[in-house]
Amino acid sequence: MGFIEDVLVRVDELIFLANSYVLDMEEGFSHGSAPIILGRPFLKTARTKIDVYAGTLSMEFGDSIVHFNVLDAMRHPFEDHSIFRAEILDDVVNEYASDFHSLHDKKHCFLSDLYD
């Protein structure tokens, strides 16, 4: 297992730069059925848009736009223990971390003034 950076990935006629995770996988996955993890850098590069209401995920590759119906994929997992999720917590934490620290500092100063 590991992480590979700056790999050229080909999907049909489209070629793009991506980072990849190398996973320890069981034998028996066919060439076209192996799971793939799409990280935030790739999703940003592909200008990914997720419409939660419609249940669609769209990606742009140059002039081509690819649409996925997420709800259909979730209805038909290839195994009972499959997982489908989007991890966005890091972005939220990074966005609000500076606010939290400044609020914490203000609270600390206020409390220290009360007890001094």
C-alpha atoms as a PDB file:
ATOM      1  CA  MET A   1       0.000   0.000   0.000  1.00  0.00           C
ATOM      2  CA  GLY A   2       1.171   3.517  -0.681  1.00  0.00           C
ATOM      3  CA  PHE A   3       0.663   6.797  -2.517  1.00  0.00           C
ATOM      4  CA  ILE A   4       1.834   7.705  -6.031  1.00  0.00           C
ATOM      5  CA  GLU A   5       1.959  11.333  -7.198  1.00  0.00           C
ATOM      6  CA  ASP A   6       1.685  12.823 -10.697  1.00  0.00           C
ATOM      7  CA  VAL A   7       0.493   9.761 -12.614  1.00  0.00           C
ATOM      8  CA  LEU A   8      -0.966  10.054 -16.119  1.00  0.00           C
ATOM      9  CA  VAL A   9      -4.346   8.300 -16.126  1.00  0.00           C
ATOM     10  CA  ARG A  10      -6.190   7.369 -19.317  1.00  0.00           C
ATOM     11  CA  VAL A  11      -9.980   6.999 -19.448  1.00  0.00           C
ATOM     12  CA  ASP A  12     -11.047   6.197 -23.008  1.00  0.00           C
ATOM     13  CA  GLU A  13      -9.476   9.006 -25.067  1.00  0.00           C
ATOM     14  CA  LEU A  14      -9.002  11.356 -22.097  1.00  0.00           C
ATOM     15  CA  ILE A  15      -5.612  11.578 -20.355  1.00  0.00           C
ATOM     16  CA  PHE A  16      -5.170  13.556 -17.136  1.00  0.00           C
ATOM     17  CA  LEU A  17      -2.698  13.964 -14.285  1.00  0.00           C
ATOM     18  CA  ALA A  18      -3.697  12.443 -10.934  1.00  0.00           C
ATOM     19  CA  ASN A  19      -2.367  11.230  -7.621  1.00  0.00           C
ATOM     20  CA  SER A  20      -3.170   7.611  -6.791  1.00  0.00           C
ATOM     21  CA  TYR A  21      -3.449   5.384  -3.786  1.00  0.00           C
ATOM     22  CA  VAL A  22      -2.054   1.892  -4.202  1.00  0.00           C
ATOM     23  CA  LEU A  23      -4.209  -0.551  -2.268  1.00  0.00           C
ATOM     24  CA  ASP A  24      -3.668  -4.112  -1.191  1.00  0.00           C
ATOM     25  CA  MET A  25      -6.487  -5.805  -3.132  1.00  0.00           C
ATOM     26  CA  GLU A  26      -7.761  -9.337  -3.310  1.00  0.00           C
ATOM     27  CA  GLU A  27      -7.242 -11.330  -6.467  1.00  0.00           C
ATOM     28  CA  GLY A  28     -10.262 -11.667  -8.685  1.00  0.00           C
ATOM     29  CA  PHE A  29     -10.955  -8.051  -9.613  1.00  0.00           C
ATOM     30  CA  SER A  30     -11.371  -7.844 -13.349  1.00  0.00           C
ATOM     31  CA  HIS A  31      -9.584  -5.119 -15.306  1.00  0.00           C
ATOM     32  CA  GLY A  32     -12.659  -2.884 -15.409  1.00  0.00           C
ATOM     33  CA  SER A  33     -14.181  -3.504 -11.973  1.00  0.00           C
ATOM     34  CA  ALA A  34     -11.466  -2.389  -9.541  1.00  0.00           C
ATOM     35  CA  PRO A  35     -12.592   0.365  -7.157  1.00  0.00           C
ATOM     36  CA  ILE A  36     -11.028   3.800  -7.511  1.00  0.00           C
ATOM     37  CA  ILE A  37     -10.539   6.549  -4.938  1.00  0.00           C
ATOM     38  CA  LEU A  38     -10.905  10.055  -6.334  1.00  0.00           C
ATOM     39  CA  GLY A  39      -9.124  12.577  -4.123  1.00  0.00           C
ATOM     40  CA  ARG A  40      -9.902  16.268  -3.777  1.00  0.00           C
ATOM     41  CA  PRO A  41      -7.074  17.381  -6.133  1.00  0.00           C
ATOM     42  CA  PHE A  42      -8.487  15.182  -8.903  1.00  0.00           C
ATOM     43  CA  LEU A  43     -12.066  16.300  -8.218  1.00  0.00           C
ATOM     44  CA  LYS A  44     -10.921  19.933  -8.411  1.00  0.00           C
ATOM     45  CA  THR A  45      -9.005  19.349 -11.654  1.00  0.00           C
ATOM     46  CA  ALA A  46     -12.044  17.630 -13.176  1.00  0.00           C
ATOM     47  CA  ARG A  47     -14.255  20.560 -12.077  1.00  0.00           C
ATOM     48  CA  THR A  48     -16.533  18.079 -10.318  1.00  0.00           C
ATOM     49  CA  LYS A  49     -20.012  19.243  -9.442  1.00  0.00           C
ATOM     50  CA  ILE A  50     -22.296  17.259  -7.147  1.00  0.00           C
ATOM     51  CA  ASP A  51     -26.047  17.887  -7.267  1.00  0.00           C
ATOM     52  CA  VAL A  52     -27.309  16.201  -4.112  1.00  0.00           C
ATOM     53  CA  TYR A  53     -30.956  16.936  -4.921  1.00  0.00           C
ATOM     54  CA  ALA A  54     -30.774  15.337  -8.381  1.00  0.00           C
ATOM     55  CA  GLY A  55     -28.291  12.663  -7.268  1.00  0.00           C
ATOM     56  CA  THR A  56     -25.806  13.414 -10.035  1.00  0.00           C
ATOM     57  CA  LEU A  57     -22.068  13.950 -10.207  1.00  0.00           C
ATOM     58  CA  SER A  58     -20.587  15.765 -13.231  1.00  0.00           C
ATOM     59  CA  MET A  59     -16.926  16.006 -14.262  1.00  0.00           C
ATOM     60  CA  GLU A  60     -15.347  18.112 -17.003  1.00  0.00           C
ATOM     61  CA  PHE A  61     -12.368  16.927 -19.040  1.00  0.00           C
ATOM     62  CA  GLY A  62     -11.518  19.635 -21.554  1.00  0.00           C
ATOM     63  CA  ASP A  63     -14.588  19.973 -23.777  1.00  0.00           C
ATOM     64  CA  SER A  64     -16.134  16.711 -22.536  1.00  0.00           C
ATOM     65  CA  ILE A  65     -18.562  16.487 -19.619  1.00  0.00           C
ATOM     66  CA  VAL A  66     -19.276  13.126 -17.984  1.00  0.00           C
ATOM     67  CA  HIS A  67     -22.407  12.663 -15.841  1.00  0.00           C
ATOM     68  CA  PHE A  68     -22.850   9.935 -13.223  1.00  0.00           C
ATOM     69  CA  ASN A  69     -26.118   9.017 -11.523  1.00  0.00           C
ATOM     70  CA  VAL A  70     -24.987   8.493  -7.932  1.00  0.00           C
ATOM     71  CA  LEU A  71     -28.349   7.143  -6.797  1.00  0.00           C
ATOM     72  CA  ASP A  72     -28.198   4.299  -9.330  1.00  0.00           C
ATOM     73  CA  ALA A  73     -24.689   3.365  -8.225  1.00  0.00           C
ATOM     74  CA  MET A  74     -25.765   3.254  -4.587  1.00  0.00           C
ATOM     75  CA  ARG A  75     -28.728   0.984  -5.398  1.00  0.00           C
ATOM     76  CA  HIS A  76     -26.456  -1.621  -6.966  1.00  0.00           C
ATOM     77  CA  PRO A  77     -23.249  -2.006  -4.916  1.00  0.00           C
ATOM     78  CA  PHE A  78     -20.992  -4.776  -6.158  1.00  0.00           C
ATOM     79  CA  GLU A  79     -20.731  -6.154  -2.619  1.00  0.00           C
ATOM     80  CA  ASP A  80     -22.927  -5.895   0.464  1.00  0.00           C
ATOM     81  CA  HIS A  81     -20.230  -4.067   2.414  1.00  0.00           C
ATOM     82  CA  SER A  82     -19.504  -1.393  -0.216  1.00  0.00           C
ATOM     83  CA  ILE A  83     -19.292   2.233   0.882  1.00  0.00           C
ATOM     84  CA  PHE A  84     -20.139   5.397  -1.014  1.00  0.00           C
ATOM     85  CA  ARG A  85     -19.260   8.703   0.646  1.00  0.00           C
ATOM     86  CA  ALA A  86     -17.762  12.119   0.104  1.00  0.00           C
ATOM     87  CA  GLU A  87     -15.284  13.377   2.690  1.00  0.00           C
ATOM     88  CA  ILE A  88     -15.396  17.159   3.015  1.00  0.00           C
ATOM     89  CA  LEU A  89     -14.527  17.664   6.677  1.00  0.00           C
ATOM     90  CA  ASP A  90     -10.935  18.733   6.013  1.00  0.00           C
ATOM     91  CA  ASP A  91     -12.120  21.686   3.930  1.00  0.00           C
ATOM     92  CA  VAL A  92     -14.576  22.816   6.617  1.00  0.00           C
ATOM     93  CA  VAL A  93     -11.970  22.501   9.372  1.00  0.00           C
ATOM     94  CA  ASN A  94      -9.375  24.415   7.347  1.00  0.00           C
ATOM     95  CA  GLU A  95     -11.883  27.137   6.476  1.00  0.00           C
ATOM     96  CA  TYR A  96     -13.007  27.774  10.053  1.00  0.00           C
ATOM     97  CA  ALA A  97      -9.846  26.882  12.013  1.00  0.00           C
ATOM     98  CA  SER A  98      -8.561  30.460  12.060  1.00  0.00           C
ATOM     99  CA  ASP A  99     -11.945  31.705  13.346  1.00  0.00           C
ATOM    100  CA  PHE A 100     -11.895  29.106  16.105  1.00  0.00           C
ATOM    101  CA  HIS A 101      -8.396  30.060  17.214  1.00  0.00           C
ATOM    102  CA  SER A 102      -9.219  33.771  17.298  1.00  0.00           C
ATOM    103  CA  LEU A 103     -12.447  33.104  19.252  1.00  0.00           C
ATOM    104  CA  HIS A 104     -10.549  30.854  21.656  1.00  0.00           C
ATOM    105  CA  ASP A 105      -7.912  33.568  22.187  1.00  0.00           C
ATOM    106  CA  LYS A 106     -10.617  36.200  22.832  1.00  0.00           C
ATOM    107  CA  LYS A 107     -12.400  33.917  25.301  1.00  0.00           C
ATOM    108  CA  HIS A 108      -9.109  33.145  27.047  1.00  0.00           C
ATOM    109  CA  CYS A 109      -8.283  36.873  27.343  1.00  0.00           C
ATOM    110  CA  PHE A 110     -11.793  37.628  28.625  1.00  0.00           C
ATOM    111  CA  LEU A 111     -11.668  34.862  31.240  1.00  0.00           C
ATOM    112  CA  SER A 112      -8.176  35.812  32.375  1.00  0.00           C
ATOM    113  CA  ASP A 113      -9.381  39.438  32.845  1.00  0.00           C
ATOM    114  CA  LEU A 114     -12.254  38.196  35.017  1.00  0.00           C
ATOM    115  CA  TYR A 115     -10.038  36.146  37.300  1.00  0.00           C
ATOM    116  CA  ASP A 116      -7.025  38.464  37.534  1.00  0.00           C
END
